[in-house]
Amino acid sequence: MIGQNDAAYAARDRRNAQELCSTCMMAQAAELNFVQGDSVIETVRAIVRGGMSVRGAMRGRIFVVPGLSDEDIQGAAKFLKLQDGQLLYTTSVTTSPPGDQRL
């Protein structure tokens, strides 16, 4: 039973990570950048807080992934990495880069 719970949590974390990554990419296309330096956790928190595009064809569109708890953020962050200013989804668990504080 414990293994089933772990699999369910991992699936939830992966899905949240995919949604966060997708939202971040769409926001960047609309000239709204959620990326916070080299911190995955702070980038995810920025996406959860959300923001609105103020320029271009997507002006006025709100980008947000609402309702994620600290546990959800931490779980999703395990499947995300920052590379060249982009938030990327990875299928394997990533390690925390130096200076990136987990919850």
N, C-alpha and C. Protein backbone atom coordinates (compact mmCIF):
# COMPACT_ATOMS: atom_id res chain seq x y z
N MET A 1 0.81 -1.19 0.00
CA MET A 1 0.00 0.00 0.00
C MET A 1 0.85 1.26 0.00
N ILE A 2 1.97 1.24 0.72
CA ILE A 2 2.83 2.41 0.78
C ILE A 2 3.40 2.69 -0.61
N GLY A 3 3.78 1.67 -1.35
CA GLY A 3 4.30 1.85 -2.69
C GLY A 3 3.29 2.49 -3.62
N GLN A 4 2.02 2.13 -3.46
CA GLN A 4 0.97 2.73 -4.27
C GLN A 4 0.83 4.22 -3.97
N ASN A 5 0.92 4.59 -2.69
CA ASN A 5 0.84 6.00 -2.32
C ASN A 5 2.01 6.78 -2.90
N ASP A 6 3.22 6.19 -2.81
CA ASP A 6 4.40 6.85 -3.36
C ASP A 6 4.24 7.08 -4.86
N ALA A 7 3.71 6.10 -5.57
CA ALA A 7 3.50 6.22 -7.01
C ALA A 7 2.46 7.31 -7.32
N ALA A 8 1.43 7.39 -6.51
CA ALA A 8 0.40 8.42 -6.72
C ALA A 8 0.98 9.81 -6.48
N TYR A 9 1.78 9.97 -5.42
CA TYR A 9 2.40 11.26 -5.14
C TYR A 9 3.39 11.65 -6.24
N ALA A 10 4.16 10.69 -6.71
CA ALA A 10 5.12 10.97 -7.78
C ALA A 10 4.39 11.39 -9.06
N ALA A 11 3.28 10.73 -9.37
CA ALA A 11 2.50 11.10 -10.55
C ALA A 11 1.93 12.51 -10.40
N ARG A 12 1.45 12.85 -9.21
CA ARG A 12 0.93 14.19 -8.94
C ARG A 12 2.05 15.22 -9.10
N ASP A 13 3.21 14.93 -8.54
CA ASP A 13 4.34 15.86 -8.61
C ASP A 13 4.78 16.07 -10.06
N ARG A 14 4.82 15.00 -10.85
CA ARG A 14 5.20 15.11 -12.26
C ARG A 14 4.19 15.97 -13.02
N ARG A 15 2.91 15.73 -12.78
CA ARG A 15 1.87 16.48 -13.48
C ARG A 15 1.93 17.96 -13.11
N ASN A 16 2.12 18.26 -11.82
CA ASN A 16 2.27 19.65 -11.40
C ASN A 16 3.49 20.29 -12.06
N ALA A 17 4.60 19.55 -12.12
CA ALA A 17 5.82 20.06 -12.75
C ALA A 17 5.57 20.37 -14.23
N GLN A 18 4.86 19.50 -14.92
CA GLN A 18 4.55 19.72 -16.33
C GLN A 18 3.69 20.98 -16.51
N GLU A 19 2.71 21.14 -15.64
CA GLU A 19 1.83 22.32 -15.72
C GLU A 19 2.61 23.60 -15.44
N LEU A 20 3.48 23.57 -14.44
CA LEU A 20 4.31 24.74 -14.12
C LEU A 20 5.23 25.10 -15.28
N CYS A 21 5.85 24.10 -15.86
CA CYS A 21 6.75 24.32 -16.99
C CYS A 21 6.00 24.91 -18.18
N SER A 22 4.86 24.35 -18.50
CA SER A 22 4.05 24.82 -19.61
C SER A 22 3.61 26.27 -19.40
N THR A 23 3.15 26.58 -18.21
CA THR A 23 2.70 27.94 -17.89
C THR A 23 3.86 28.92 -17.98
N CYS A 24 5.02 28.53 -17.48
CA CYS A 24 6.19 29.39 -17.53
C CYS A 24 6.59 29.67 -18.98
N MET A 25 6.57 28.66 -19.83
CA MET A 25 6.93 28.85 -21.24
C MET A 25 5.93 29.75 -21.97
N MET A 26 4.65 29.56 -21.70
CA MET A 26 3.64 30.41 -22.33
C MET A 26 3.79 31.86 -21.87
N ALA A 27 4.08 32.04 -20.58
CA ALA A 27 4.27 33.39 -20.04
C ALA A 27 5.48 34.05 -20.68
N GLN A 28 6.57 33.30 -20.84
CA GLN A 28 7.76 33.87 -21.46
C GLN A 28 7.48 34.28 -22.91
N ALA A 29 6.66 33.51 -23.62
CA ALA A 29 6.28 33.87 -24.98
C ALA A 29 5.48 35.16 -25.00
N ALA A 30 4.80 35.46 -23.88
CA ALA A 30 4.01 36.68 -23.75
C ALA A 30 4.81 37.80 -23.07
N GLU A 31 6.14 37.63 -23.02
CA GLU A 31 7.06 38.61 -22.43
C GLU A 31 6.87 38.80 -20.93
N LEU A 32 6.45 37.75 -20.25
CA LEU A 32 6.34 37.75 -18.79
C LEU A 32 7.28 36.66 -18.27
N ASN A 33 8.28 37.06 -17.51
CA ASN A 33 9.30 36.11 -17.08
C ASN A 33 9.18 35.81 -15.58
N PHE A 34 8.88 34.57 -15.25
CA PHE A 34 8.78 34.14 -13.86
C PHE A 34 10.10 33.64 -13.30
N VAL A 35 11.09 33.39 -14.14
CA VAL A 35 12.35 32.78 -13.70
C VAL A 35 13.05 33.72 -12.71
N GLN A 36 13.39 33.16 -11.55
CA GLN A 36 14.02 33.89 -10.46
C GLN A 36 15.47 33.44 -10.29
N GLY A 37 16.37 34.03 -11.06
CA GLY A 37 17.79 33.67 -10.96
C GLY A 37 18.01 32.20 -11.27
N ASP A 38 18.67 31.50 -10.32
CA ASP A 38 18.91 30.07 -10.51
C ASP A 38 18.13 29.23 -9.49
N SER A 39 17.07 29.79 -8.93
CA SER A 39 16.29 29.10 -7.90
C SER A 39 15.00 28.51 -8.48
N VAL A 40 14.95 27.20 -8.54
CA VAL A 40 13.74 26.51 -9.02
C VAL A 40 12.57 26.80 -8.08
N ILE A 41 12.81 26.71 -6.79
CA ILE A 41 11.73 26.92 -5.81
C ILE A 41 11.14 28.33 -5.94
N GLU A 42 11.98 29.34 -6.02
CA GLU A 42 11.48 30.72 -6.13
C GLU A 42 10.78 30.94 -7.47
N THR A 43 11.25 30.31 -8.52
CA THR A 43 10.58 30.39 -9.81
C THR A 43 9.20 29.77 -9.72
N VAL A 44 9.10 28.60 -9.09
CA VAL A 44 7.80 27.94 -8.94
C VAL A 44 6.86 28.81 -8.09
N ARG A 45 7.37 29.39 -7.03
CA ARG A 45 6.53 30.27 -6.19
C ARG A 45 6.03 31.46 -7.00
N ALA A 46 6.86 32.01 -7.87
CA ALA A 46 6.44 33.13 -8.71
C ALA A 46 5.30 32.72 -9.65
N ILE A 47 5.38 31.51 -10.19
CA ILE A 47 4.31 31.02 -11.07
C ILE A 47 3.03 30.80 -10.28
N VAL A 48 3.14 30.29 -9.07
CA VAL A 48 1.97 30.06 -8.23
C VAL A 48 1.30 31.40 -7.87
N ARG A 49 2.11 32.45 -7.65
CA ARG A 49 1.56 33.79 -7.39
C ARG A 49 0.91 34.36 -8.64
N GLY A 50 1.50 34.05 -9.79
CA GLY A 50 0.94 34.47 -11.06
C GLY A 50 1.34 35.87 -11.48
N GLY A 51 0.96 36.21 -12.69
CA GLY A 51 1.25 37.52 -13.24
C GLY A 51 0.45 37.74 -14.51
N MET A 52 0.44 39.00 -14.96
CA MET A 52 -0.31 39.37 -16.15
C MET A 52 0.64 39.96 -17.19
N SER A 53 0.46 39.54 -18.42
CA SER A 53 1.22 40.09 -19.52
C SER A 53 0.73 41.51 -19.80
N VAL A 54 1.67 42.43 -20.01
CA VAL A 54 1.29 43.83 -20.24
C VAL A 54 1.63 44.31 -21.65
N ARG A 55 2.17 43.40 -22.48
CA ARG A 55 2.55 43.77 -23.84
C ARG A 55 2.13 42.71 -24.83
N GLY A 56 2.12 43.09 -26.06
CA GLY A 56 1.95 42.15 -27.15
C GLY A 56 0.53 41.62 -27.32
N ALA A 57 0.44 40.56 -28.12
CA ALA A 57 -0.85 39.97 -28.46
C ALA A 57 -1.55 39.35 -27.26
N MET A 58 -0.78 38.99 -26.23
CA MET A 58 -1.38 38.37 -25.04
C MET A 58 -1.54 39.36 -23.89
N ARG A 59 -1.52 40.65 -24.21
CA ARG A 59 -1.67 41.68 -23.19
C ARG A 59 -2.98 41.47 -22.41
N GLY A 60 -2.87 41.49 -21.09
CA GLY A 60 -4.04 41.30 -20.24
C GLY A 60 -4.28 39.85 -19.83
N ARG A 61 -3.56 38.93 -20.43
CA ARG A 61 -3.75 37.51 -20.09
C ARG A 61 -3.01 37.21 -18.79
N ILE A 62 -3.69 36.48 -17.91
CA ILE A 62 -3.11 36.11 -16.62
C ILE A 62 -2.54 34.70 -16.72
N PHE A 63 -1.32 34.56 -16.22
CA PHE A 63 -0.63 33.27 -16.19
C PHE A 63 -0.43 32.90 -14.73
N VAL A 64 -0.96 31.76 -14.33
CA VAL A 64 -0.88 31.34 -12.93
C VAL A 64 -1.19 29.84 -12.83
N VAL A 65 -0.55 29.20 -11.86
CA VAL A 65 -0.92 27.83 -11.48
C VAL A 65 -1.33 27.92 -10.01
N PRO A 66 -2.61 28.13 -9.75
CA PRO A 66 -3.06 28.40 -8.38
C PRO A 66 -3.22 27.14 -7.54
N GLY A 67 -3.23 27.35 -6.24
CA GLY A 67 -3.63 26.29 -5.32
C GLY A 67 -2.58 25.27 -4.95
N LEU A 68 -1.31 25.51 -5.28
CA LEU A 68 -0.29 24.55 -4.89
C LEU A 68 0.20 24.85 -3.48
N SER A 69 0.22 23.83 -2.66
CA SER A 69 0.72 23.97 -1.29
C SER A 69 2.24 23.93 -1.30
N ASP A 70 2.85 24.21 -0.16
CA ASP A 70 4.31 24.10 -0.06
C ASP A 70 4.78 22.68 -0.38
N GLU A 71 4.01 21.69 0.05
CA GLU A 71 4.34 20.29 -0.26
C GLU A 71 4.28 20.05 -1.77
N ASP A 72 3.26 20.59 -2.42
CA ASP A 72 3.13 20.45 -3.88
C ASP A 72 4.29 21.12 -4.60
N ILE A 73 4.67 22.31 -4.13
CA ILE A 73 5.78 23.05 -4.74
C ILE A 73 7.07 22.26 -4.62
N GLN A 74 7.33 21.75 -3.44
CA GLN A 74 8.55 20.97 -3.21
C GLN A 74 8.55 19.71 -4.08
N GLY A 75 7.42 19.03 -4.16
CA GLY A 75 7.34 17.81 -4.95
C GLY A 75 7.55 18.07 -6.43
N ALA A 76 6.92 19.11 -6.96
CA ALA A 76 7.05 19.44 -8.38
C ALA A 76 8.48 19.88 -8.70
N ALA A 77 9.10 20.62 -7.79
CA ALA A 77 10.45 21.13 -8.03
C ALA A 77 11.46 20.02 -8.25
N LYS A 78 11.19 18.83 -7.74
CA LYS A 78 12.10 17.70 -7.93
C LYS A 78 12.21 17.30 -9.40
N PHE A 79 11.21 17.67 -10.20
CA PHE A 79 11.18 17.29 -11.61
C PHE A 79 11.40 18.49 -12.54
N LEU A 80 11.95 19.56 -11.99
CA LEU A 80 12.20 20.77 -12.76
C LEU A 80 13.66 21.19 -12.63
N LYS A 81 14.14 21.87 -13.66
CA LYS A 81 15.48 22.46 -13.59
C LYS A 81 15.47 23.75 -14.40
N LEU A 82 16.41 24.62 -14.09
CA LEU A 82 16.59 25.85 -14.84
C LEU A 82 17.83 25.74 -15.70
N GLN A 83 17.67 26.10 -16.96
CA GLN A 83 18.80 26.05 -17.90
C GLN A 83 18.64 27.20 -18.90
N ASP A 84 19.64 28.05 -18.96
CA ASP A 84 19.64 29.17 -19.91
C ASP A 84 18.38 30.03 -19.79
N GLY A 85 17.93 30.28 -18.57
CA GLY A 85 16.77 31.13 -18.35
C GLY A 85 15.43 30.48 -18.63
N GLN A 86 15.43 29.17 -18.80
CA GLN A 86 14.20 28.42 -19.09
C GLN A 86 13.93 27.42 -17.98
N LEU A 87 12.67 27.29 -17.60
CA LEU A 87 12.26 26.25 -16.66
C LEU A 87 11.95 25.00 -17.47
N LEU A 88 12.65 23.92 -17.18
CA LEU A 88 12.51 22.69 -17.95
C LEU A 88 12.02 21.54 -17.08
N TYR A 89 11.17 20.71 -17.68
CA TYR A 89 10.68 19.49 -17.03
C TYR A 89 11.67 18.37 -17.31
N THR A 90 11.93 17.56 -16.31
CA THR A 90 12.78 16.39 -16.49
C THR A 90 12.07 15.18 -15.90
N THR A 91 12.23 14.03 -16.53
CA THR A 91 11.53 12.84 -16.06
C THR A 91 12.17 12.21 -14.84
N SER A 92 13.40 12.58 -14.56
CA SER A 92 14.07 12.02 -13.38
C SER A 92 14.17 13.10 -12.29
N VAL A 93 14.30 12.66 -11.07
CA VAL A 93 14.42 13.58 -9.95
C VAL A 93 15.73 14.33 -10.05
N THR A 94 15.66 15.65 -9.95
CA THR A 94 16.87 16.47 -10.02
C THR A 94 17.37 16.77 -8.62
N THR A 95 18.66 17.05 -8.53
CA THR A 95 19.22 17.46 -7.26
C THR A 95 19.18 18.96 -7.19
N SER A 96 19.17 19.49 -6.02
CA SER A 96 19.09 20.92 -5.80
C SER A 96 20.43 21.58 -6.15
N PRO A 97 20.41 22.63 -7.02
CA PRO A 97 21.65 23.32 -7.33
C PRO A 97 22.15 24.09 -6.11
N PRO A 98 23.44 24.40 -6.06
CA PRO A 98 23.97 25.15 -4.93
C PRO A 98 23.22 26.44 -4.73
N GLY A 99 22.89 26.75 -3.46
CA GLY A 99 22.20 27.97 -3.13
C GLY A 99 20.70 27.90 -3.26
N ASP A 100 20.16 26.83 -3.83
CA ASP A 100 18.72 26.68 -3.97
C ASP A 100 18.21 25.98 -2.73
N GLN A 101 17.46 26.67 -1.92
CA GLN A 101 16.99 26.10 -0.67
C GLN A 101 15.65 25.44 -0.86
N ARG A 102 15.58 24.21 -0.45
CA ARG A 102 14.32 23.48 -0.48
C ARG A 102 13.49 23.90 0.74
N LEU A 103 12.23 23.58 0.70
CA LEU A 103 11.32 23.96 1.78
C LEU A 103 11.67 23.32 3.09
